[in-house]
């Protein structure tokens, strides 16, 4: 497994835009859980979503089914 963070990938660039714009997102997990909040950071393996209570949740990317902007 490579630890290279490939910033040229569209998925990485899109997540970076969500971080930069502080867009609230819904993250659906393979466990059927739904995490709602703002993506604070990402690395090659994980991302951190902070909810409206300012509680961070670190999510392994392999557990993600989808990420989408939350509709208001």
N, C-alpha and C. Protein backbone atom coordinates (compact mmCIF):
# COMPACT_ATOMS: atom_id res chain seq x y z
N UNK A 1 0.84 -1.18 0.00
CA UNK A 1 0.00 0.00 0.00
C UNK A 1 0.88 1.24 0.00
N UNK A 2 0.56 2.17 -0.83
CA UNK A 2 1.34 3.40 -0.90
C UNK A 2 0.73 4.47 0.00
N UNK A 3 1.59 5.26 0.61
CA UNK A 3 1.13 6.35 1.46
C UNK A 3 1.15 7.67 0.73
N UNK A 4 1.34 7.63 -0.59
CA UNK A 4 1.38 8.86 -1.37
C UNK A 4 0.00 9.51 -1.39
N UNK A 5 -0.01 10.79 -1.11
CA UNK A 5 -1.24 11.57 -1.15
C UNK A 5 -1.30 12.22 -2.53
N UNK A 6 -2.11 11.66 -3.41
CA UNK A 6 -2.13 12.05 -4.81
C UNK A 6 -3.11 13.21 -5.02
N UNK A 7 -2.58 14.43 -4.88
CA UNK A 7 -3.42 15.63 -4.95
C UNK A 7 -3.99 15.88 -6.35
N UNK A 8 -3.51 15.18 -7.35
CA UNK A 8 -4.04 15.35 -8.70
C UNK A 8 -5.33 14.60 -8.96
N UNK A 9 -5.70 13.70 -8.07
CA UNK A 9 -6.93 12.93 -8.27
C UNK A 9 -8.17 13.80 -8.07
N UNK A 10 -9.18 13.64 -8.91
CA UNK A 10 -10.40 14.46 -8.79
C UNK A 10 -11.06 14.34 -7.42
N UNK A 11 -11.08 13.15 -6.84
CA UNK A 11 -11.72 12.98 -5.53
C UNK A 11 -10.99 13.77 -4.45
N UNK A 12 -9.67 13.79 -4.50
CA UNK A 12 -8.88 14.54 -3.52
C UNK A 12 -9.13 16.03 -3.71
N UNK A 13 -9.14 16.48 -4.96
CA UNK A 13 -9.38 17.91 -5.23
C UNK A 13 -10.78 18.33 -4.78
N UNK A 14 -11.77 17.48 -5.00
CA UNK A 14 -13.13 17.82 -4.59
C UNK A 14 -13.24 17.91 -3.07
N UNK A 15 -12.61 16.97 -2.36
CA UNK A 15 -12.62 17.05 -0.90
C UNK A 15 -11.90 18.30 -0.41
N UNK A 16 -10.80 18.67 -1.06
CA UNK A 16 -10.08 19.89 -0.67
C UNK A 16 -10.97 21.11 -0.88
N UNK A 17 -11.79 21.12 -1.92
CA UNK A 17 -12.71 22.23 -2.14
C UNK A 17 -13.77 22.28 -1.04
N UNK A 18 -14.28 21.12 -0.63
CA UNK A 18 -15.25 21.07 0.47
C UNK A 18 -14.64 21.60 1.76
N UNK A 19 -13.37 21.28 2.00
CA UNK A 19 -12.66 21.77 3.19
C UNK A 19 -12.50 23.28 3.10
N UNK A 20 -12.00 23.76 1.97
CA UNK A 20 -11.72 25.19 1.78
C UNK A 20 -13.00 26.02 1.93
N UNK A 21 -14.12 25.52 1.37
CA UNK A 21 -15.37 26.26 1.39
C UNK A 21 -16.20 26.02 2.67
N UNK A 22 -15.70 25.18 3.58
CA UNK A 22 -16.43 24.83 4.82
C UNK A 22 -17.85 24.36 4.53
N UNK A 23 -17.99 23.54 3.51
CA UNK A 23 -19.29 23.01 3.11
C UNK A 23 -19.71 21.88 4.05
N UNK A 24 -20.94 21.94 4.54
CA UNK A 24 -21.46 20.86 5.36
C UNK A 24 -21.77 19.67 4.45
N UNK A 25 -21.38 18.47 4.89
CA UNK A 25 -21.54 17.27 4.08
C UNK A 25 -22.24 16.17 4.85
N UNK A 26 -22.73 15.20 4.10
CA UNK A 26 -23.23 13.94 4.64
C UNK A 26 -22.27 12.86 4.19
N UNK A 27 -21.78 12.06 5.13
CA UNK A 27 -20.87 10.96 4.83
C UNK A 27 -21.57 9.67 5.21
N UNK A 28 -21.91 8.87 4.22
CA UNK A 28 -22.56 7.57 4.45
C UNK A 28 -21.47 6.52 4.60
N UNK A 29 -21.55 5.72 5.66
CA UNK A 29 -20.54 4.69 5.93
C UNK A 29 -21.06 3.31 5.56
N UNK A 30 -20.15 2.39 5.39
CA UNK A 30 -20.53 1.02 5.03
C UNK A 30 -21.33 0.34 6.13
N UNK A 31 -21.32 0.91 7.34
CA UNK A 31 -22.12 0.39 8.46
C UNK A 31 -23.54 0.94 8.44
N UNK A 32 -23.87 1.75 7.43
CA UNK A 32 -25.15 2.44 7.26
C UNK A 32 -25.28 3.67 8.16
N UNK A 33 -24.25 4.00 8.93
CA UNK A 33 -24.26 5.23 9.71
C UNK A 33 -24.13 6.43 8.78
N UNK A 34 -24.66 7.56 9.20
CA UNK A 34 -24.55 8.80 8.46
C UNK A 34 -23.89 9.83 9.37
N UNK A 35 -22.77 10.38 8.93
CA UNK A 35 -22.05 11.40 9.68
C UNK A 35 -22.27 12.72 8.96
N UNK A 36 -22.72 13.75 9.70
CA UNK A 36 -23.00 15.06 9.12
C UNK A 36 -22.09 16.08 9.78
N UNK A 37 -21.47 16.91 8.97
CA UNK A 37 -20.61 17.96 9.49
C UNK A 37 -19.74 18.52 8.39
N UNK A 38 -18.67 19.19 8.81
CA UNK A 38 -17.74 19.80 7.86
C UNK A 38 -16.43 19.02 7.87
N UNK A 39 -15.91 18.75 6.68
CA UNK A 39 -14.63 18.04 6.58
C UNK A 39 -13.55 19.02 7.01
N UNK A 40 -12.79 18.65 8.02
CA UNK A 40 -11.74 19.52 8.54
C UNK A 40 -10.41 19.26 7.84
N UNK A 41 -10.09 17.97 7.63
CA UNK A 41 -8.83 17.60 6.96
C UNK A 41 -8.97 16.21 6.37
N UNK A 42 -8.02 15.89 5.51
CA UNK A 42 -7.92 14.54 4.95
C UNK A 42 -6.45 14.19 4.79
N UNK A 43 -6.17 12.91 4.85
CA UNK A 43 -4.84 12.41 4.49
C UNK A 43 -5.05 11.21 3.59
N UNK A 44 -4.02 10.46 3.36
CA UNK A 44 -4.11 9.34 2.42
C UNK A 44 -5.08 8.26 2.88
N UNK A 45 -5.33 8.14 4.19
CA UNK A 45 -6.16 7.05 4.71
C UNK A 45 -7.47 7.48 5.36
N UNK A 46 -7.51 8.68 5.90
CA UNK A 46 -8.65 9.11 6.71
C UNK A 46 -9.09 10.51 6.35
N UNK A 47 -10.29 10.86 6.86
CA UNK A 47 -10.70 12.24 6.87
C UNK A 47 -11.37 12.52 8.20
N UNK A 48 -11.39 13.79 8.58
CA UNK A 48 -11.97 14.20 9.84
C UNK A 48 -13.19 15.07 9.55
N UNK A 49 -14.33 14.69 10.12
CA UNK A 49 -15.56 15.46 9.99
C UNK A 49 -15.91 15.99 11.37
N UNK A 50 -16.16 17.32 11.44
CA UNK A 50 -16.51 17.97 12.70
C UNK A 50 -17.99 18.31 12.66
N UNK A 51 -18.74 17.82 13.67
CA UNK A 51 -20.20 18.05 13.69
C UNK A 51 -20.53 19.42 14.28
N UNK A 52 -21.82 19.71 14.39
CA UNK A 52 -22.25 21.03 14.87
C UNK A 52 -21.98 21.24 16.36
N UNK A 53 -21.58 20.20 17.08
CA UNK A 53 -21.14 20.32 18.47
C UNK A 53 -19.63 20.50 18.57
N UNK A 54 -18.98 20.66 17.41
CA UNK A 54 -17.52 20.78 17.30
C UNK A 54 -16.82 19.49 17.73
N UNK A 55 -17.52 18.36 17.57
CA UNK A 55 -16.97 17.04 17.91
C UNK A 55 -16.36 16.42 16.66
N UNK A 56 -15.05 16.15 16.66
CA UNK A 56 -14.42 15.55 15.48
C UNK A 56 -14.65 14.04 15.41
N UNK A 57 -14.85 13.55 14.20
CA UNK A 57 -14.94 12.12 13.95
C UNK A 57 -13.94 11.80 12.85
N UNK A 58 -13.02 10.88 13.14
CA UNK A 58 -12.05 10.45 12.14
C UNK A 58 -12.61 9.21 11.46
N UNK A 59 -12.67 9.25 10.14
CA UNK A 59 -13.28 8.18 9.35
C UNK A 59 -12.23 7.62 8.40
N UNK A 60 -12.08 6.30 8.41
CA UNK A 60 -11.22 5.63 7.44
C UNK A 60 -11.88 5.72 6.09
N UNK A 61 -11.15 6.11 5.08
CA UNK A 61 -11.72 6.28 3.74
C UNK A 61 -12.31 4.97 3.20
N UNK A 62 -11.76 3.84 3.57
CA UNK A 62 -12.26 2.56 3.09
C UNK A 62 -13.66 2.25 3.63
N UNK A 63 -14.11 2.98 4.67
CA UNK A 63 -15.44 2.76 5.24
C UNK A 63 -16.50 3.65 4.61
N UNK A 64 -16.10 4.54 3.70
CA UNK A 64 -17.03 5.51 3.12
C UNK A 64 -17.75 4.92 1.90
N UNK A 65 -19.07 5.07 1.90
CA UNK A 65 -19.88 4.69 0.74
C UNK A 65 -20.01 5.90 -0.19
N UNK A 66 -20.37 7.08 0.40
CA UNK A 66 -20.40 8.30 -0.39
C UNK A 66 -20.26 9.52 0.51
N UNK A 67 -19.89 10.63 -0.12
CA UNK A 67 -19.85 11.94 0.53
C UNK A 67 -20.59 12.89 -0.40
N UNK A 68 -21.54 13.66 0.18
CA UNK A 68 -22.23 14.64 -0.65
C UNK A 68 -22.52 15.88 0.18
N UNK A 69 -22.59 17.03 -0.49
CA UNK A 69 -22.95 18.26 0.21
C UNK A 69 -24.34 18.10 0.81
N UNK A 70 -24.50 18.61 2.03
CA UNK A 70 -25.80 18.53 2.70
C UNK A 70 -26.72 19.60 2.14
N UNK A 71 -27.92 19.20 1.79
CA UNK A 71 -28.91 20.15 1.30
C UNK A 71 -29.50 20.92 2.47
N UNK A 72 -29.66 22.20 2.29
CA UNK A 72 -30.20 23.02 3.38
C UNK A 72 -31.69 23.14 3.34
